[in-house]
Structures are given as C-alpha cells and as structure tokens.
Amino acid sequence: MSKRNGIKINHQLYIDDLKLYAANEEQLLRELKIVASFTETIKMEMGLDKCAVLHIKRGKITSGEAMLVQDNLKIQNLGPEETYKYLGIQQGLEIKTAETKAKFEDKFMGRLKKILQSKLNARSIFTSINLKAIDTQMRVLLTKYGMHHPHASTNRLYVPIKDGGRGLQNIESTHHKVVKDMREYFLSSNLPFFKALCEEDNNITPLNMVSRIQPPEPPNINELSAVWHGKALHGRYPTALERNEIDKERSLNYLKAGYLFPETEGRLAAIQDQVVSTRAYQRSILKKDIPSDRCRKCSRTMETIQHITSSCPTLAPREYTDRHNALAKAYHQAIAIKNGLIKEHSKIHQYLPKEILENNEVKLYWDHPLITDRPILHNRPDIVVFLKEERRVIIVDITVPADDNAERAYTEKIIKYHDLAFELKEIYKLTSTSILLLVITTNGLVEKHLLENTNRLGLDEGLIGDAQKEVILWTTRIVRRFLTSS
C-alpha cells in the first residue's frame, strides 16, 4: 500500500498465527524479542519449528542469516524456493496460487473418494462434502459411485431438500457469497486501515474493492429450481410435488430422514427424473437405433418409466402386488398392535398377516371377502376393522398409483367401496361406516389425506415414513429387476 499518515503495518495476527514485518534485520529482531518476552510471560512457548524468516530486497527474496531471538532460540531462514504455511496456505514472497489450488484439489478429491467409499447413508454423505466441492469433478465421482445418474438433473443436486432437491451446496455460489460478505464488511468499515485496503484493491483480490460493481452472481436456488421444474422430463416430479393433492412435506420425508443407501437414493432420483434407460428413453432421447421401443415384458405399449413402475400387466400379479402389500402390511401390523391383537413388532418383509384376528373389542380382516345379502362387486378391501362395542366399521384400502393419478385413484376407491359400506351398515345395524384410503405414489409422493386417515385409525404419524420407505424400496427394486431382465 502507498504510504499514508496514521497507517503503519508491522504485523498480522490471527489467533496464534503471527506474521511480522520490518524494514531491516535490526527492527525485526526488536519485534521478535517483544514476542518472545510476551510468550515467556504468559508461560507459553514459540513453535520455532514452524517459524521462518524471509529476507526481501527490492521485491526479491535474498539470502540472509537465521535470527537468534534468545539463547538457543533460533529461527531458520526461508530459501527462494521454499514456502511456509500461514492460515493453512503455502506462501513465500507471495501466495502460490496455482500450487495451492492443485494441492487443495488433490486433498479434496482424496477425501471425497474416502467419503463415497464409506458406508454412510445418502444424507450423511452430502452433509460431509458440503461447502468443499469442485463441482464438475465432484459430480463425476458421484456418478462413479452410483449416487447420481449421468442424465439426471444437475440443478436438483443443489436445490434444498425441503423443495425436493438433494441439498448439496454449489461451490461457485458459496464462493460468491463469501466474496460478497467480505466486500460489504470492508467497505462498510470506517477504520483507516480498512479504507486504505479498499482504495488499493484494484483487482488484487477477488473482492476488487476499488470497483463499486458487485461480482457477477451465479444462479441462485430459485433459478436452479425453476430450470429443474421447466425440463420436459426432469420437471414432472417437482411439478407433481407441488400439486394440491400432495402432502409435500411428508413426501420428502425420506430425504430428511436419510435412511436410504446412496446408490438407492441415486437410483430413485433417476427414476423420478425419468432418465432411466428404458427402450422409449433410448430411442426418443438418446436417439439410439433399437429394434423396438415396446415393453420387453408385455409388448403392448411403449416402455417408459411410468409403464414399468405402475402399468405393466406382466408385473402387476407379483411385483406391484408385493409393493402394495408391503404398504398394507405396515398399516395392518400397526392396527393389530394398537388393538392388542398381536404383541410383537416384526420387520415388514417378515410380517405375515392372518386373514382374521379377533378379540372382545375388535375384529380385523386382511384381504378377506365380506358376505352381504346382495352381491357386491367390490367386497374384498385390503383391511377391514370391526369395532364391536362402538358398532363401527372402518374399510381401509391401499393403492400405489403413478404420480399423476393420485387424486383420481383416491376418488375411484371411495366410489368403489361405497356400496359395500352401505350394505354392511344395513346388515349389522352399525352406527357408522368409514372408508379410509391410504395412497402413496410409486415415487413416494404422499397423498394429502394420508395423515388425516392415519390419525383416524389412531396410529402414530411416523408410520407414514415407514410405509413410504417400503414403497420407495419396492419401486427401485422393480425397476432394477426389470432392466436387468432379458
């Protein structure tokens, strides 16, 4: 900096990292003796093995003698090609920018690989690498380790979890925020030293405080989210997430809970972004020359991701039924435990519901036909709860539709069991009958009535997360098996 009245710099101090400046060796020695005297007074020692002296003449490093501060207290001279670490950055006459960036990149990528090779869940991994990523190479590694599909939405990675993204922080945005905050800090200060820095910093640092023009701002979260929503394929899931019939907060419970394996979360994101390598995607998007884009299982219609996850007739008897039953079993077991029909909780895949469970207060049916005076077309709901003392019946039915069909599926199921509910009320002279629909879509979207209906069954709200987990795991399993089949 230019010489100014009232401004004199002879040191920089940050916590325990001290850098001294002096016009000559004699002045430097006086400063060092002050430091040595102070450290002795407070009963601390100087870390001489981490100290160095740099002799500069006319802007160039010159040879000089080691500094003898006190008896047996000597600070070694720093050579022209040597560096020392101040605030974690290697420096000599100046900061070795290129060398520092290269070392940072090597160290960061090494640590990132160790994180990705660990057994952390998806949420923990993204928390571990936030604020440090070199974006492009980081995404390459995420793809390599199965956490990010190469054709999945890049913008979604940086959208917050509460909005359906994956919560990673963008290094460019982070850098911009730090630069902006530091500029405001320096420019708003009235200290002469800070004012002098601001007047001298003409493109010397990224802050560029001489200029009153703010650095160009990278895309913010709202812009990234808008691009994600606007994509023809990528945008279908976030658009569905914002629909009125969807409980957005609980639909994103799996991301907040962080229980999925990284590869599973990456696979689910690819399914939601509709970039899975189906025949339709290969022909229409990747422009591959393949013999047919018809479903490899049923050959009836185009093989899209929606067809695989919800509408293939070949998959319906087993795969879709198993997924449906996993959700239904979660609720059946919870109802049975609440009403004292069973005592022990089992893992869902191990739980085998009995067709009828009964005690003095409750009779619980599982996928059991109900006999009525007149023939009823739909007389076999998934779960039926007879509350004997209250003379009430609760008809519970489960459905796992495609994201676009959640509202229609709910309405159709209500209509479907209306006649059965009326007939049961007449036959058994019931005080009331209820039809409760439990709807979670193939991609894990929670229909808005699910919380209300869970509460009406007297069950804990945490059951919604357990049921959602079952649906998500089954959807990813169905897609994986389908694509690996011949």
Protein backbone atom coordinates (compact mmCIF):
# COMPACT_ATOMS: atom_id res chain seq x y z
CA MET A 1 0.00 0.00 0.00
CA SER A 2 1.04 3.56 -0.52
CA LYS A 3 2.42 5.42 2.50
CA ARG A 4 -0.32 7.22 4.37
CA ASN A 5 -0.36 9.26 7.56
CA GLY A 6 -1.50 7.28 10.54
CA ILE A 7 -1.19 3.88 8.88
CA LYS A 8 1.61 1.57 9.89
CA ILE A 9 1.63 -2.21 9.47
CA ASN A 10 4.18 -4.24 11.36
CA HIS A 11 2.27 -7.47 11.97
CA GLN A 12 -0.71 -9.68 11.14
CA LEU A 13 -2.22 -11.80 13.90
CA TYR A 14 -4.96 -14.40 13.68
CA ILE A 15 -5.47 -16.46 16.85
CA ASP A 16 -1.95 -17.97 17.21
CA ASP A 17 -0.62 -17.36 13.67
CA LEU A 18 1.61 -14.27 13.75
CA LYS A 19 3.39 -12.61 10.83
CA LEU A 20 5.88 -9.74 11.49
CA TYR A 21 7.03 -7.07 9.04
CA ALA A 22 10.21 -5.00 9.45
CA ALA A 23 12.32 -2.64 7.36
CA ASN A 24 15.58 -4.41 8.29
CA GLU A 25 17.02 -7.23 10.41
CA GLU A 26 17.62 -4.98 13.40
CA GLN A 27 13.98 -3.85 13.52
CA LEU A 28 12.79 -7.44 13.04
CA LEU A 29 14.95 -8.60 15.92
CA ARG A 30 13.39 -5.99 18.22
CA GLU A 31 9.91 -7.19 17.24
CA LEU A 32 10.87 -10.83 17.80
CA LYS A 33 12.20 -10.07 21.28
CA ILE A 34 8.86 -8.44 22.19
CA VAL A 35 7.05 -11.60 21.04
CA ALA A 36 9.49 -13.86 22.90
CA SER A 37 9.16 -11.81 26.09
CA PHE A 38 5.37 -11.91 25.90
CA THR A 39 5.18 -15.68 25.29
CA GLU A 40 7.50 -16.26 28.24
CA THR A 41 5.36 -14.05 30.48
CA ILE A 42 2.16 -15.97 29.68
CA LYS A 43 4.04 -19.28 30.12
CA MET A 44 3.80 -20.45 26.52
CA GLU A 45 6.45 -21.49 24.04
CA MET A 46 7.09 -20.35 20.48
CA GLY A 47 6.77 -23.11 17.91
CA LEU A 48 10.15 -22.40 16.33
CA ASP A 49 9.99 -25.48 14.09
CA LYS A 50 7.07 -23.79 12.31
CA CYS A 51 8.72 -20.35 12.13
CA ALA A 52 10.81 -18.88 9.32
CA VAL A 53 12.46 -15.63 8.33
CA LEU A 54 12.15 -14.26 4.81
CA HIS A 55 14.66 -11.63 3.62
CA ILE A 56 13.43 -9.42 0.76
CA LYS A 57 15.33 -6.72 -1.08
CA ARG A 58 13.78 -4.71 -3.87
CA GLY A 59 10.94 -7.19 -4.24
CA LYS A 60 13.14 -10.29 -4.47
CA ILE A 61 14.00 -12.96 -1.92
CA THR A 62 17.64 -12.74 -0.85
CA SER A 63 19.84 -14.88 1.32
CA GLY A 64 20.17 -13.90 4.95
CA GLU A 65 21.08 -15.18 8.35
CA ALA A 66 18.92 -17.15 10.72
CA MET A 67 17.53 -14.96 13.52
CA LEU A 68 18.81 -15.64 17.05
CA VAL A 69 15.99 -14.40 19.28
CA GLN A 70 17.44 -15.58 22.62
CA ASP A 71 19.93 -18.18 23.72
CA ASN A 72 19.11 -21.39 21.86
CA LEU A 73 16.09 -19.74 20.23
CA LYS A 74 16.89 -19.54 16.53
CA ILE A 75 14.52 -19.04 13.59
CA GLN A 76 15.70 -20.54 10.31
CA ASN A 77 15.94 -18.62 7.05
CA LEU A 78 13.47 -19.42 4.26
CA GLY A 79 15.10 -20.09 0.88
CA PRO A 80 13.93 -18.72 -2.50
CA GLU A 81 12.15 -21.96 -3.48
CA GLU A 82 10.76 -22.77 -0.03
CA THR A 83 7.35 -21.95 1.38
CA TYR A 84 5.75 -21.80 4.79
CA LYS A 85 2.15 -22.27 5.86
CA TYR A 86 0.21 -19.28 7.17
CA LEU A 87 -3.51 -19.77 7.88
CA GLY A 88 -3.26 -23.13 6.14
CA ILE A 89 -1.95 -21.69 2.85
CA GLN A 90 1.56 -22.20 1.49
CA GLN A 91 3.31 -18.86 0.99
CA GLY A 92 6.70 -17.45 0.15
CA LEU A 93 7.12 -13.94 -1.13
CA GLU A 94 3.51 -14.30 -2.28
CA ILE A 95 0.77 -16.90 -2.15
CA LYS A 96 1.50 -19.74 -4.56
CA THR A 97 -1.97 -19.63 -6.10
CA ALA A 98 -1.63 -22.36 -8.73
CA GLU A 99 0.22 -24.67 -6.35
CA THR A 100 -2.31 -24.04 -3.57
CA LYS A 101 -5.26 -24.79 -5.87
CA ALA A 102 -3.65 -28.02 -7.09
CA LYS A 103 -2.92 -29.20 -3.55
CA PHE A 104 -6.43 -28.29 -2.41
CA GLU A 105 -7.94 -30.20 -5.32
CA ASP A 106 -5.83 -33.29 -4.66
CA LYS A 107 -6.61 -33.26 -0.97
CA PHE A 108 -10.31 -32.61 -1.51
CA MET A 109 -10.74 -35.32 -4.13
CA GLY A 110 -8.89 -37.80 -1.91
CA ARG A 111 -11.19 -37.04 0.99
CA LEU A 112 -14.28 -37.15 -1.25
CA LYS A 113 -13.35 -40.63 -2.50
CA LYS A 114 -12.99 -41.83 1.08
CA ILE A 115 -16.43 -40.44 1.94
CA LEU A 116 -18.04 -42.07 -1.10
CA GLN A 117 -16.39 -45.41 -0.31
CA SER A 118 -17.75 -45.29 3.24
CA LYS A 119 -20.99 -46.86 4.43
CA LEU A 120 -22.64 -43.56 5.30
CA ASN A 121 -26.25 -43.06 4.22
CA ALA A 122 -27.06 -40.60 1.43
CA ARG A 123 -27.89 -37.64 3.66
CA SER A 124 -24.73 -38.02 5.75
CA ILE A 125 -22.56 -38.16 2.64
CA PHE A 126 -23.97 -34.91 1.22
CA THR A 127 -23.52 -33.26 4.63
CA SER A 128 -19.88 -34.41 4.67
CA ILE A 129 -18.97 -32.83 1.32
CA ASN A 130 -20.97 -29.59 1.51
CA LEU A 131 -19.07 -26.32 1.00
CA LYS A 132 -15.97 -28.05 -0.37
CA ALA A 133 -16.89 -29.49 -3.72
CA ILE A 134 -15.22 -28.76 -7.01
CA ASP A 135 -18.48 -29.18 -8.82
CA THR A 136 -17.72 -30.90 -12.09
CA GLN A 137 -15.26 -33.43 -10.72
CA MET A 138 -17.48 -33.99 -7.73
CA ARG A 139 -20.44 -34.91 -9.95
CA VAL A 140 -18.18 -37.28 -11.88
CA LEU A 141 -17.33 -39.05 -8.64
CA LEU A 142 -20.97 -39.07 -7.51
CA THR A 143 -21.84 -40.76 -10.79
CA LYS A 144 -18.96 -43.21 -10.48
CA TYR A 145 -20.16 -44.31 -7.04
CA GLY A 146 -23.82 -44.59 -8.08
CA MET A 147 -25.17 -41.56 -6.22
CA HIS A 148 -26.03 -39.52 -9.31
CA HIS A 149 -27.22 -40.68 -12.72
CA PRO A 150 -25.26 -39.02 -15.56
CA HIS A 151 -28.51 -37.85 -17.21
CA ALA A 152 -30.34 -36.88 -14.00
CA SER A 153 -30.95 -33.23 -13.20
CA THR A 154 -27.77 -31.42 -12.20
CA ASN A 155 -29.75 -28.48 -10.84
CA ARG A 156 -31.65 -30.78 -8.50
CA LEU A 157 -28.41 -31.64 -6.69
CA TYR A 158 -28.23 -28.06 -5.39
CA VAL A 159 -31.92 -27.50 -4.63
CA PRO A 160 -32.68 -27.75 -0.86
CA ILE A 161 -34.17 -30.98 0.47
CA LYS A 162 -37.33 -29.15 1.60
CA ASP A 163 -38.04 -28.39 -2.07
CA GLY A 164 -37.34 -31.92 -3.30
CA GLY A 165 -33.66 -31.43 -4.17
CA ARG A 166 -30.70 -33.24 -2.70
CA GLY A 167 -29.26 -30.43 -0.60
CA LEU A 168 -25.74 -30.10 -1.98
CA GLN A 169 -24.12 -26.66 -1.85
CA ASN A 170 -22.64 -25.23 -5.02
CA ILE A 171 -19.01 -24.14 -4.65
CA GLU A 172 -19.48 -21.23 -7.08
CA SER A 173 -22.43 -19.90 -5.08
CA THR A 174 -20.57 -20.42 -1.82
CA HIS A 175 -17.54 -18.53 -3.14
CA HIS A 176 -19.72 -15.69 -4.39
CA LYS A 177 -21.43 -15.35 -1.00
CA VAL A 178 -18.09 -15.23 0.84
CA VAL A 179 -16.75 -12.57 -1.56
CA LYS A 180 -19.93 -10.51 -1.28
CA ASP A 181 -19.99 -10.65 2.53
CA MET A 182 -16.29 -9.75 2.80
CA ARG A 183 -16.70 -6.81 0.40
CA GLU A 184 -19.58 -5.47 2.48
CA TYR A 185 -17.56 -5.95 5.66
CA PHE A 186 -14.55 -3.98 4.39
CA LEU A 187 -16.47 -1.28 2.51
CA SER A 188 -18.75 -0.54 5.47
CA SER A 189 -15.86 0.00 7.92
CA ASN A 190 -14.62 3.47 8.90
CA LEU A 191 -11.22 2.23 10.13
CA PRO A 192 -8.34 3.97 8.28
CA PHE A 193 -6.61 0.62 7.72
CA PHE A 194 -9.70 -0.87 6.06
CA LYS A 195 -10.23 2.25 3.96
CA ALA A 196 -6.65 2.02 2.75
CA LEU A 197 -7.16 -1.61 1.77
CA CYS A 198 -10.32 -0.72 -0.15
CA GLU A 199 -8.55 2.04 -2.09
CA GLU A 200 -5.62 -0.22 -3.04
CA ASP A 201 -7.55 -3.37 -4.01
CA ASN A 202 -7.88 -2.85 -7.73
CA ASN A 203 -8.30 -6.46 -8.93
CA ILE A 204 -5.61 -7.58 -6.48
CA THR A 205 -8.05 -9.87 -4.66
CA PRO A 206 -11.38 -11.41 -5.73
CA LEU A 207 -13.08 -8.68 -3.65
CA ASN A 208 -11.89 -5.96 -6.09
CA MET A 209 -12.96 -3.21 -3.68
CA VAL A 210 -11.93 -0.30 -5.90
CA SER A 211 -14.82 -1.20 -8.17
CA ARG A 212 -18.30 -0.48 -6.86
CA ILE A 213 -19.78 -3.10 -9.20
CA GLN A 214 -20.70 -6.32 -7.46
CA PRO A 215 -19.15 -9.53 -8.87
CA PRO A 216 -21.48 -11.37 -11.28
CA GLU A 217 -23.83 -13.57 -9.29
CA PRO A 218 -24.13 -17.28 -10.18
CA PRO A 219 -27.60 -18.85 -10.45
CA ASN A 220 -29.37 -18.80 -7.10
CA ILE A 221 -31.52 -21.56 -5.61
CA ASN A 222 -34.75 -20.16 -7.08
CA GLU A 223 -33.24 -20.04 -10.57
CA LEU A 224 -31.83 -23.58 -10.28
CA SER A 225 -35.22 -24.81 -9.07
CA ALA A 226 -37.02 -23.04 -11.93
CA VAL A 227 -34.75 -24.71 -14.50
CA TRP A 228 -35.38 -28.11 -12.86
CA HIS A 229 -39.15 -27.55 -12.92
CA GLY A 230 -39.03 -26.39 -16.54
CA LYS A 231 -37.43 -29.52 -18.00
CA ALA A 232 -39.71 -31.79 -20.03
CA LEU A 233 -38.66 -34.97 -18.20
CA HIS A 234 -36.87 -33.75 -15.09
CA GLY A 235 -39.70 -31.35 -14.31
CA ARG A 236 -42.52 -33.87 -13.98
CA TYR A 237 -41.61 -34.99 -10.46
CA PRO A 238 -41.21 -31.48 -8.91
CA THR A 239 -44.40 -30.38 -10.70
CA ALA A 240 -46.28 -33.32 -9.18
CA LEU A 241 -44.76 -32.47 -5.79
CA GLU A 242 -46.43 -29.04 -5.89
CA ARG A 243 -49.93 -30.32 -6.68
CA ASN A 244 -52.71 -29.60 -4.18
CA GLU A 245 -53.48 -33.27 -3.62
CA ILE A 246 -49.89 -34.00 -2.49
CA ASP A 247 -48.53 -33.56 1.04
CA LYS A 248 -45.18 -32.08 0.03
CA GLU A 249 -43.57 -32.09 3.47
CA ARG A 250 -44.23 -35.79 4.12
CA SER A 251 -43.46 -36.71 0.53
CA LEU A 252 -39.89 -35.57 1.16
CA ASN A 253 -39.59 -37.38 4.48
CA TYR A 254 -37.22 -39.99 3.02
CA LEU A 255 -34.71 -37.27 2.08
CA LYS A 256 -34.87 -35.64 5.52
CA ALA A 257 -34.67 -38.96 7.36
CA GLY A 258 -31.63 -40.02 5.32
CA TYR A 259 -32.17 -43.78 5.67
CA LEU A 260 -31.59 -44.73 2.03
CA PHE A 261 -28.29 -46.13 0.82
CA PRO A 262 -26.55 -43.66 -1.52
CA GLU A 263 -26.98 -45.93 -4.54
CA THR A 264 -30.69 -46.36 -3.78
CA GLU A 265 -31.26 -42.62 -3.48
CA GLY A 266 -29.36 -42.06 -6.73
CA ARG A 267 -31.45 -44.72 -8.49
CA LEU A 268 -34.69 -43.23 -7.15
CA ALA A 269 -33.66 -39.74 -8.32
CA ALA A 270 -33.03 -41.14 -11.81
CA ILE A 271 -36.49 -42.76 -11.79
CA GLN A 272 -38.11 -39.51 -10.64
CA ASP A 273 -36.16 -37.54 -13.26
CA GLN A 274 -37.24 -40.15 -15.86
CA VAL A 275 -33.74 -40.73 -17.21
CA VAL A 276 -33.65 -44.49 -16.65
CA SER A 277 -32.52 -46.37 -19.74
CA THR A 278 -35.90 -47.67 -20.89
CA ARG A 279 -36.43 -48.52 -24.55
CA ALA A 280 -38.50 -45.37 -25.05
CA TYR A 281 -35.76 -43.23 -23.48
CA GLN A 282 -33.07 -44.85 -25.62
CA ARG A 283 -34.99 -44.29 -28.84
CA SER A 284 -36.60 -40.88 -28.21
CA ILE A 285 -34.00 -39.11 -26.06
CA LEU A 286 -30.68 -40.85 -26.70
CA LYS A 287 -31.60 -41.37 -30.39
CA LYS A 288 -30.36 -44.94 -30.40
CA ASP A 289 -31.26 -47.24 -33.26
CA ILE A 290 -33.02 -50.06 -31.43
CA PRO A 291 -35.44 -52.62 -32.98
CA SER A 292 -38.44 -51.62 -30.83
CA ASP A 293 -39.49 -49.30 -28.04
CA ARG A 294 -42.24 -51.69 -26.89
CA CYS A 295 -42.16 -53.11 -23.37
CA ARG A 296 -39.83 -56.09 -23.17
CA LYS A 297 -42.26 -57.84 -20.79
CA CYS A 298 -45.76 -57.32 -22.20
CA SER A 299 -45.01 -55.92 -25.69
CA ARG A 300 -48.29 -53.99 -25.52
CA THR A 301 -47.19 -50.40 -25.22
CA MET A 302 -44.17 -48.11 -25.14
CA GLU A 303 -41.60 -48.97 -22.48
CA THR A 304 -41.49 -45.77 -20.39
CA ILE A 305 -40.54 -45.47 -16.74
CA GLN A 306 -44.20 -44.85 -15.83
CA HIS A 307 -45.16 -48.07 -17.61
CA ILE A 308 -42.51 -50.05 -15.72
CA THR A 309 -43.40 -48.68 -12.29
CA SER A 310 -47.21 -48.72 -12.46
CA SER A 311 -48.93 -50.11 -15.55
CA CYS A 312 -47.22 -53.19 -16.97
CA PRO A 313 -49.76 -56.09 -16.83
CA THR A 314 -46.95 -58.63 -16.63
CA LEU A 315 -45.58 -57.04 -13.45
CA ALA A 316 -48.98 -56.48 -11.81
CA PRO A 317 -49.65 -60.01 -10.41
CA ARG A 318 -46.42 -60.19 -8.44
CA GLU A 319 -44.20 -57.08 -8.33
CA TYR A 320 -46.96 -54.48 -7.97
CA THR A 321 -48.86 -56.72 -5.57
CA ASP A 322 -45.79 -57.20 -3.39
CA ARG A 323 -45.24 -53.43 -3.25
CA HIS A 324 -48.91 -52.83 -2.47
CA ASN A 325 -48.86 -55.49 0.25
CA ALA A 326 -45.71 -54.04 1.84
CA LEU A 327 -47.54 -50.73 2.38
CA ALA A 328 -50.69 -52.55 3.54
CA LYS A 329 -48.77 -54.78 5.97
CA ALA A 330 -47.19 -51.75 7.64
CA TYR A 331 -50.68 -50.45 8.49
CA HIS A 332 -52.21 -53.87 9.30
CA GLN A 333 -49.46 -54.63 11.81
CA ALA A 334 -49.79 -51.20 13.44
CA ILE A 335 -53.58 -51.62 13.77
CA ALA A 336 -53.16 -55.13 15.20
CA ILE A 337 -50.61 -53.99 17.80
CA LYS A 338 -52.70 -50.95 18.80
CA ASN A 339 -55.75 -53.14 19.44
CA GLY A 340 -53.87 -55.87 21.27
CA LEU A 341 -54.34 -58.48 18.54
CA ILE A 342 -50.60 -59.15 18.33
CA LYS A 343 -47.83 -58.26 20.76
CA GLU A 344 -44.53 -58.23 18.89
CA HIS A 345 -43.46 -55.96 16.07
CA SER A 346 -41.82 -57.63 13.06
CA LYS A 347 -39.97 -56.28 10.06
CA ILE A 348 -42.38 -55.73 7.21
CA HIS A 349 -40.84 -58.35 4.93
CA GLN A 350 -41.13 -60.90 7.75
CA TYR A 351 -44.67 -59.99 8.78
CA LEU A 352 -47.36 -62.46 7.61
CA PRO A 353 -50.84 -61.08 8.35
CA LYS A 354 -53.51 -63.56 9.39
CA GLU A 355 -56.73 -63.39 7.42
CA ILE A 356 -58.76 -62.79 10.60
CA LEU A 357 -57.62 -61.52 14.01
CA GLU A 358 -60.17 -61.07 16.79
CA ASN A 359 -60.62 -60.26 20.47
CA ASN A 360 -63.51 -58.95 22.55
CA GLU A 361 -63.25 -55.41 21.19
CA VAL A 362 -62.02 -55.70 17.61
CA LYS A 363 -62.23 -57.97 14.60
CA LEU A 364 -59.57 -57.34 11.95
CA TYR A 365 -59.75 -58.68 8.39
CA TRP A 366 -56.87 -58.93 5.90
CA ASP A 367 -57.80 -59.27 2.22
CA HIS A 368 -60.91 -61.23 3.16
CA PRO A 369 -64.23 -61.29 1.19
CA LEU A 370 -67.17 -59.91 3.16
CA ILE A 371 -70.52 -61.68 2.81
CA THR A 372 -73.51 -59.44 2.08
CA ASP A 373 -77.21 -60.06 1.42
CA ARG A 374 -76.96 -58.94 -2.16
CA PRO A 375 -73.98 -59.43 -4.47
CA ILE A 376 -71.47 -56.60 -4.22
CA LEU A 377 -68.85 -56.35 -6.96
CA HIS A 378 -66.12 -54.96 -4.70
CA ASN A 379 -66.40 -56.85 -1.42
CA ARG A 380 -62.72 -57.54 -0.64
CA PRO A 381 -60.96 -54.46 0.78
CA ASP A 382 -57.35 -54.72 1.89
CA ILE A 383 -58.15 -54.18 5.59
CA VAL A 384 -61.45 -54.04 7.48
CA VAL A 385 -61.70 -53.07 11.16
CA PHE A 386 -64.87 -54.02 13.10
CA LEU A 387 -65.12 -52.06 16.37
CA LYS A 388 -67.60 -54.22 18.26
CA GLU A 389 -68.54 -52.01 21.21
CA GLU A 390 -68.86 -48.88 19.10
CA ARG A 391 -70.63 -50.81 16.33
CA ARG A 392 -68.48 -49.16 13.72
CA VAL A 393 -66.69 -50.48 10.65
CA ILE A 394 -63.64 -48.94 9.03
CA ILE A 395 -62.87 -50.04 5.47
CA VAL A 396 -59.20 -49.43 4.70
CA ASP A 397 -57.89 -49.75 1.17
CA ILE A 398 -54.41 -49.16 -0.18
CA THR A 399 -53.28 -48.01 -3.59
CA VAL A 400 -49.91 -47.14 -5.16
CA PRO A 401 -50.67 -45.14 -8.33
CA ALA A 402 -48.43 -43.18 -10.67
CA ASP A 403 -47.67 -39.60 -9.55
CA ASP A 404 -50.21 -38.14 -12.00
CA ASN A 405 -53.02 -40.42 -10.81
CA ALA A 406 -53.03 -39.83 -7.04
CA GLU A 407 -56.20 -37.72 -6.96
CA ARG A 408 -58.10 -39.89 -9.43
CA ALA A 409 -57.10 -43.10 -7.61
CA TYR A 410 -58.37 -41.66 -4.32
CA THR A 411 -61.74 -40.69 -5.79
CA GLU A 412 -62.21 -44.00 -7.63
CA LYS A 413 -61.52 -46.05 -4.50
CA ILE A 414 -64.06 -44.07 -2.44
CA ILE A 415 -66.71 -44.73 -5.08
CA LYS A 416 -65.61 -48.37 -5.39
CA TYR A 417 -66.43 -49.24 -1.75
CA HIS A 418 -69.48 -47.04 -1.30
CA ASP A 419 -71.96 -49.89 -1.92
CA LEU A 420 -70.10 -52.25 0.42
CA ALA A 421 -70.10 -49.67 3.21
CA PHE A 422 -73.84 -49.09 2.80
CA GLU A 423 -74.62 -52.83 2.76
CA LEU A 424 -72.54 -53.55 5.88
CA LYS A 425 -74.26 -50.75 7.77
CA GLU A 426 -77.68 -52.18 6.92
CA ILE A 427 -76.82 -55.82 7.70
CA TYR A 428 -75.05 -55.28 11.03
CA LYS A 429 -77.09 -52.23 12.18
CA LEU A 430 -73.92 -50.20 12.54
CA THR A 431 -73.77 -46.68 13.90
CA SER A 432 -71.35 -45.66 11.15
CA THR A 433 -69.05 -46.89 8.41
CA SER A 434 -65.90 -45.18 7.17
CA ILE A 435 -63.86 -45.62 4.02
CA LEU A 436 -60.22 -44.66 4.54
CA LEU A 437 -57.88 -44.60 1.55
CA LEU A 438 -54.11 -44.82 2.05
CA VAL A 439 -52.33 -43.53 -1.05
CA ILE A 440 -48.59 -43.25 -1.70
CA THR A 441 -47.46 -42.96 -5.32
CA THR A 442 -44.80 -45.10 -6.98
CA ASN A 443 -42.23 -42.32 -6.49
CA GLY A 444 -43.08 -41.90 -2.81
CA LEU A 445 -45.43 -38.90 -3.04
CA VAL A 446 -47.81 -38.85 -0.08
CA GLU A 447 -51.47 -38.10 -0.89
CA LYS A 448 -52.85 -35.28 1.28
CA HIS A 449 -55.47 -37.42 3.07
CA LEU A 450 -52.94 -39.96 4.34
CA LEU A 451 -52.06 -38.04 7.51
CA GLU A 452 -55.74 -37.47 8.37
CA ASN A 453 -56.64 -41.12 7.74
CA THR A 454 -53.66 -42.35 9.75
CA ASN A 455 -54.84 -40.22 12.67
CA ARG A 456 -58.41 -41.52 12.28
CA LEU A 457 -57.05 -45.04 12.69
CA GLY A 458 -55.40 -43.88 15.93
CA LEU A 459 -51.92 -44.61 14.59
CA ASP A 460 -48.65 -42.71 15.01
CA GLU A 461 -47.75 -40.30 12.21
CA GLY A 462 -44.29 -41.89 11.97
CA LEU A 463 -45.98 -44.86 10.30
CA ILE A 464 -46.29 -42.75 7.13
CA GLY A 465 -42.50 -42.64 6.82
CA ASP A 466 -42.24 -46.41 7.32
CA ALA A 467 -44.88 -47.05 4.66
CA GLN A 468 -43.23 -44.60 2.25
CA LYS A 469 -39.91 -46.38 2.71
CA GLU A 470 -41.48 -49.69 1.69
CA VAL A 471 -42.95 -48.18 -1.48
CA ILE A 472 -39.70 -46.47 -2.46
CA LEU A 473 -37.60 -49.58 -1.92
CA TRP A 474 -40.02 -51.70 -3.92
CA THR A 475 -40.14 -49.21 -6.81
CA THR A 476 -36.36 -49.12 -7.11
CA ARG A 477 -36.26 -52.91 -6.82
CA ILE A 478 -38.88 -53.35 -9.56
CA VAL A 479 -37.00 -51.05 -11.96
CA ARG A 480 -33.65 -52.69 -11.26
CA ARG A 481 -35.02 -56.20 -11.83
CA PHE A 482 -36.87 -55.11 -14.96
CA LEU A 483 -33.83 -53.51 -16.61
CA THR A 484 -31.57 -56.46 -15.81
CA SER A 485 -34.03 -58.98 -17.23
CA SER A 486 -33.75 -60.20 -20.79
